Amino acid sequence: MGQLLLSGPVSKAYRAVDSHATERLRRWLCKKHKRPGQGTARYPDEHLYDVLGLQRLSVRTCDLPWAKA
């Protein structure tokens, strides 16, 4: 039971890192291509992950040894 609780804070941290990475990548792409705005419409999450190959850390939480029962 205690081992299951360990994956909670890790998941939250990974989601925060994922969110920060997508935001920064969008900003960088807009600046690189000289596009105004935040880029959320031009570069949706699916494009960043599926086309550009950005990796999701939050999905990998289930692969951690202490997350397996």
N, C-alpha and C. Protein backbone atom coordinates (compact mmCIF):
# COMPACT_ATOMS: atom_id res chain seq x y z
N MET A 1 0.83 -1.20 0.00
CA MET A 1 0.00 0.00 0.00
C MET A 1 0.87 1.26 0.00
N GLY A 2 1.90 1.29 0.84
CA GLY A 2 2.78 2.45 0.90
C GLY A 2 3.49 2.71 -0.41
N GLN A 3 3.78 1.65 -1.15
CA GLN A 3 4.47 1.82 -2.43
C GLN A 3 3.58 2.50 -3.46
N LEU A 4 2.28 2.28 -3.40
CA LEU A 4 1.37 2.93 -4.33
C LEU A 4 1.34 4.44 -4.09
N LEU A 5 1.49 4.85 -2.85
CA LEU A 5 1.45 6.27 -2.53
C LEU A 5 2.67 7.01 -3.08
N LEU A 6 3.75 6.32 -3.30
CA LEU A 6 4.97 6.96 -3.82
C LEU A 6 4.81 7.48 -5.24
N SER A 7 3.95 6.87 -6.04
CA SER A 7 3.82 7.29 -7.44
C SER A 7 3.03 8.59 -7.56
N GLY A 8 2.26 8.97 -6.55
CA GLY A 8 1.45 10.19 -6.61
C GLY A 8 2.27 11.45 -6.81
N PRO A 9 3.21 11.77 -5.90
CA PRO A 9 4.01 12.99 -6.07
C PRO A 9 4.85 12.97 -7.35
N VAL A 10 5.33 11.81 -7.74
CA VAL A 10 6.11 11.71 -8.97
C VAL A 10 5.24 12.05 -10.17
N SER A 11 4.02 11.54 -10.19
CA SER A 11 3.10 11.83 -11.29
C SER A 11 2.83 13.33 -11.39
N LYS A 12 2.60 13.95 -10.26
CA LYS A 12 2.32 15.39 -10.25
C LYS A 12 3.52 16.18 -10.78
N ALA A 13 4.70 15.80 -10.36
CA ALA A 13 5.92 16.48 -10.82
C ALA A 13 6.11 16.27 -12.32
N TYR A 14 5.89 15.05 -12.79
CA TYR A 14 6.04 14.77 -14.22
C TYR A 14 5.03 15.56 -15.05
N ARG A 15 3.80 15.68 -14.57
CA ARG A 15 2.80 16.47 -15.29
C ARG A 15 3.24 17.94 -15.37
N ALA A 16 3.83 18.44 -14.29
CA ALA A 16 4.31 19.83 -14.29
C ALA A 16 5.45 20.00 -15.30
N VAL A 17 6.35 19.04 -15.36
CA VAL A 17 7.46 19.10 -16.32
C VAL A 17 6.92 19.01 -17.75
N ASP A 18 5.95 18.12 -17.99
CA ASP A 18 5.33 18.01 -19.32
C ASP A 18 4.70 19.33 -19.74
N SER A 19 3.97 19.94 -18.83
CA SER A 19 3.31 21.21 -19.12
C SER A 19 4.33 22.30 -19.44
N HIS A 20 5.37 22.37 -18.66
CA HIS A 20 6.42 23.37 -18.89
C HIS A 20 7.12 23.13 -20.23
N ALA A 21 7.40 21.88 -20.53
CA ALA A 21 8.09 21.55 -21.78
C ALA A 21 7.25 21.92 -23.00
N THR A 22 5.95 21.64 -22.96
CA THR A 22 5.10 21.99 -24.11
C THR A 22 5.00 23.50 -24.27
N GLU A 23 4.88 24.21 -23.16
CA GLU A 23 4.79 25.67 -23.22
C GLU A 23 6.07 26.27 -23.79
N ARG A 24 7.22 25.82 -23.32
CA ARG A 24 8.49 26.35 -23.79
C ARG A 24 8.75 26.00 -25.26
N LEU A 25 8.39 24.77 -25.66
CA LEU A 25 8.59 24.38 -27.05
C LEU A 25 7.71 25.21 -27.97
N ARG A 26 6.46 25.45 -27.58
CA ARG A 26 5.58 26.30 -28.38
C ARG A 26 6.16 27.70 -28.52
N ARG A 27 6.63 28.27 -27.41
CA ARG A 27 7.22 29.61 -27.45
C ARG A 27 8.43 29.65 -28.37
N TRP A 28 9.26 28.64 -28.27
CA TRP A 28 10.46 28.57 -29.10
C TRP A 28 10.10 28.46 -30.58
N LEU A 29 9.11 27.61 -30.90
CA LEU A 29 8.68 27.45 -32.29
C LEU A 29 8.12 28.75 -32.85
N CYS A 30 7.31 29.45 -32.05
CA CYS A 30 6.75 30.73 -32.50
C CYS A 30 7.86 31.75 -32.75
N LYS A 31 8.82 31.78 -31.86
CA LYS A 31 9.93 32.72 -32.03
C LYS A 31 10.78 32.35 -33.24
N LYS A 32 11.04 31.06 -33.40
CA LYS A 32 11.86 30.60 -34.52
C LYS A 32 11.21 30.93 -35.86
N HIS A 33 9.88 30.73 -35.94
CA HIS A 33 9.16 30.96 -37.20
C HIS A 33 8.54 32.34 -37.26
N LYS A 34 8.88 33.19 -36.29
CA LYS A 34 8.41 34.58 -36.24
C LYS A 34 6.89 34.67 -36.32
N ARG A 35 6.23 33.88 -35.49
CA ARG A 35 4.77 33.87 -35.41
C ARG A 35 4.33 34.56 -34.12
N PRO A 36 3.31 35.41 -34.19
CA PRO A 36 2.82 36.05 -32.97
C PRO A 36 1.99 35.07 -32.13
N GLY A 37 1.83 35.39 -30.86
CA GLY A 37 0.98 34.60 -29.98
C GLY A 37 1.71 33.49 -29.26
N GLN A 38 0.92 32.65 -28.58
CA GLN A 38 1.48 31.57 -27.76
C GLN A 38 1.66 30.27 -28.53
N GLY A 39 1.01 30.15 -29.68
CA GLY A 39 1.19 28.97 -30.50
C GLY A 39 0.33 27.77 -30.16
N THR A 40 -0.66 27.93 -29.26
CA THR A 40 -1.47 26.78 -28.87
C THR A 40 -2.35 26.29 -30.02
N ALA A 41 -2.82 27.18 -30.88
CA ALA A 41 -3.63 26.75 -32.02
C ALA A 41 -2.74 26.18 -33.13
N ARG A 42 -1.60 26.81 -33.35
CA ARG A 42 -0.69 26.38 -34.42
C ARG A 42 0.04 25.09 -34.05
N TYR A 43 0.37 24.94 -32.78
CA TYR A 43 1.12 23.76 -32.31
C TYR A 43 0.38 23.09 -31.15
N PRO A 44 -0.70 22.36 -31.44
CA PRO A 44 -1.42 21.66 -30.35
C PRO A 44 -0.56 20.53 -29.77
N ASP A 45 -0.97 20.03 -28.61
CA ASP A 45 -0.21 18.97 -27.94
C ASP A 45 0.05 17.78 -28.87
N GLU A 46 -0.96 17.38 -29.64
CA GLU A 46 -0.82 16.22 -30.52
C GLU A 46 0.32 16.43 -31.51
N HIS A 47 0.44 17.64 -32.03
CA HIS A 47 1.52 17.94 -32.98
C HIS A 47 2.89 17.84 -32.29
N LEU A 48 2.98 18.39 -31.09
CA LEU A 48 4.25 18.37 -30.37
C LEU A 48 4.68 16.95 -30.04
N TYR A 49 3.73 16.11 -29.60
CA TYR A 49 4.07 14.76 -29.19
C TYR A 49 4.16 13.79 -30.37
N ASP A 50 3.19 13.85 -31.29
CA ASP A 50 3.14 12.86 -32.37
C ASP A 50 4.05 13.20 -33.55
N VAL A 51 4.08 14.46 -33.95
CA VAL A 51 4.85 14.85 -35.13
C VAL A 51 6.30 15.21 -34.76
N LEU A 52 6.46 16.02 -33.73
CA LEU A 52 7.81 16.48 -33.37
C LEU A 52 8.54 15.53 -32.44
N GLY A 53 7.83 14.59 -31.83
CA GLY A 53 8.48 13.56 -31.02
C GLY A 53 8.78 13.93 -29.58
N LEU A 54 8.12 14.96 -29.06
CA LEU A 54 8.29 15.30 -27.64
C LEU A 54 7.79 14.13 -26.80
N GLN A 55 8.52 13.76 -25.77
CA GLN A 55 8.17 12.61 -24.93
C GLN A 55 7.38 13.06 -23.71
N ARG A 56 6.37 12.28 -23.36
CA ARG A 56 5.57 12.54 -22.15
C ARG A 56 6.17 11.79 -20.98
N LEU A 57 6.58 12.51 -19.96
CA LEU A 57 7.08 11.87 -18.75
C LEU A 57 5.94 11.29 -17.93
N SER A 58 4.78 11.94 -17.94
CA SER A 58 3.67 11.49 -17.11
C SER A 58 3.18 10.11 -17.50
N VAL A 59 3.32 9.73 -18.75
CA VAL A 59 2.91 8.39 -19.20
C VAL A 59 3.89 7.34 -18.69
N ARG A 60 5.12 7.73 -18.51
CA ARG A 60 6.16 6.80 -18.10
C ARG A 60 6.13 6.47 -16.60
N THR A 61 5.27 7.11 -15.84
CA THR A 61 5.19 6.85 -14.40
C THR A 61 4.85 5.40 -14.12
N CYS A 62 4.01 4.80 -14.95
CA CYS A 62 3.61 3.40 -14.73
C CYS A 62 4.78 2.45 -14.92
N ASP A 63 5.86 2.90 -15.57
CA ASP A 63 7.04 2.05 -15.77
C ASP A 63 7.99 2.04 -14.57
N LEU A 64 7.75 2.91 -13.60
CA LEU A 64 8.63 2.96 -12.44
C LEU A 64 8.44 1.71 -11.59
N PRO A 65 9.51 1.14 -11.06
CA PRO A 65 9.41 -0.13 -10.32
C PRO A 65 8.48 -0.06 -9.12
N TRP A 66 8.44 1.07 -8.41
CA TRP A 66 7.59 1.13 -7.23
C TRP A 66 6.13 1.39 -7.58
N ALA A 67 5.83 1.67 -8.87
CA ALA A 67 4.45 1.89 -9.29
C ALA A 67 3.75 0.58 -9.64
N LYS A 68 4.49 -0.51 -9.67
CA LYS A 68 3.92 -1.80 -10.02
C LYS A 68 3.58 -2.57 -8.75
N ALA A 69 2.39 -3.14 -8.74
CA ALA A 69 1.96 -3.89 -7.55
C ALA A 69 2.28 -5.36 -7.69
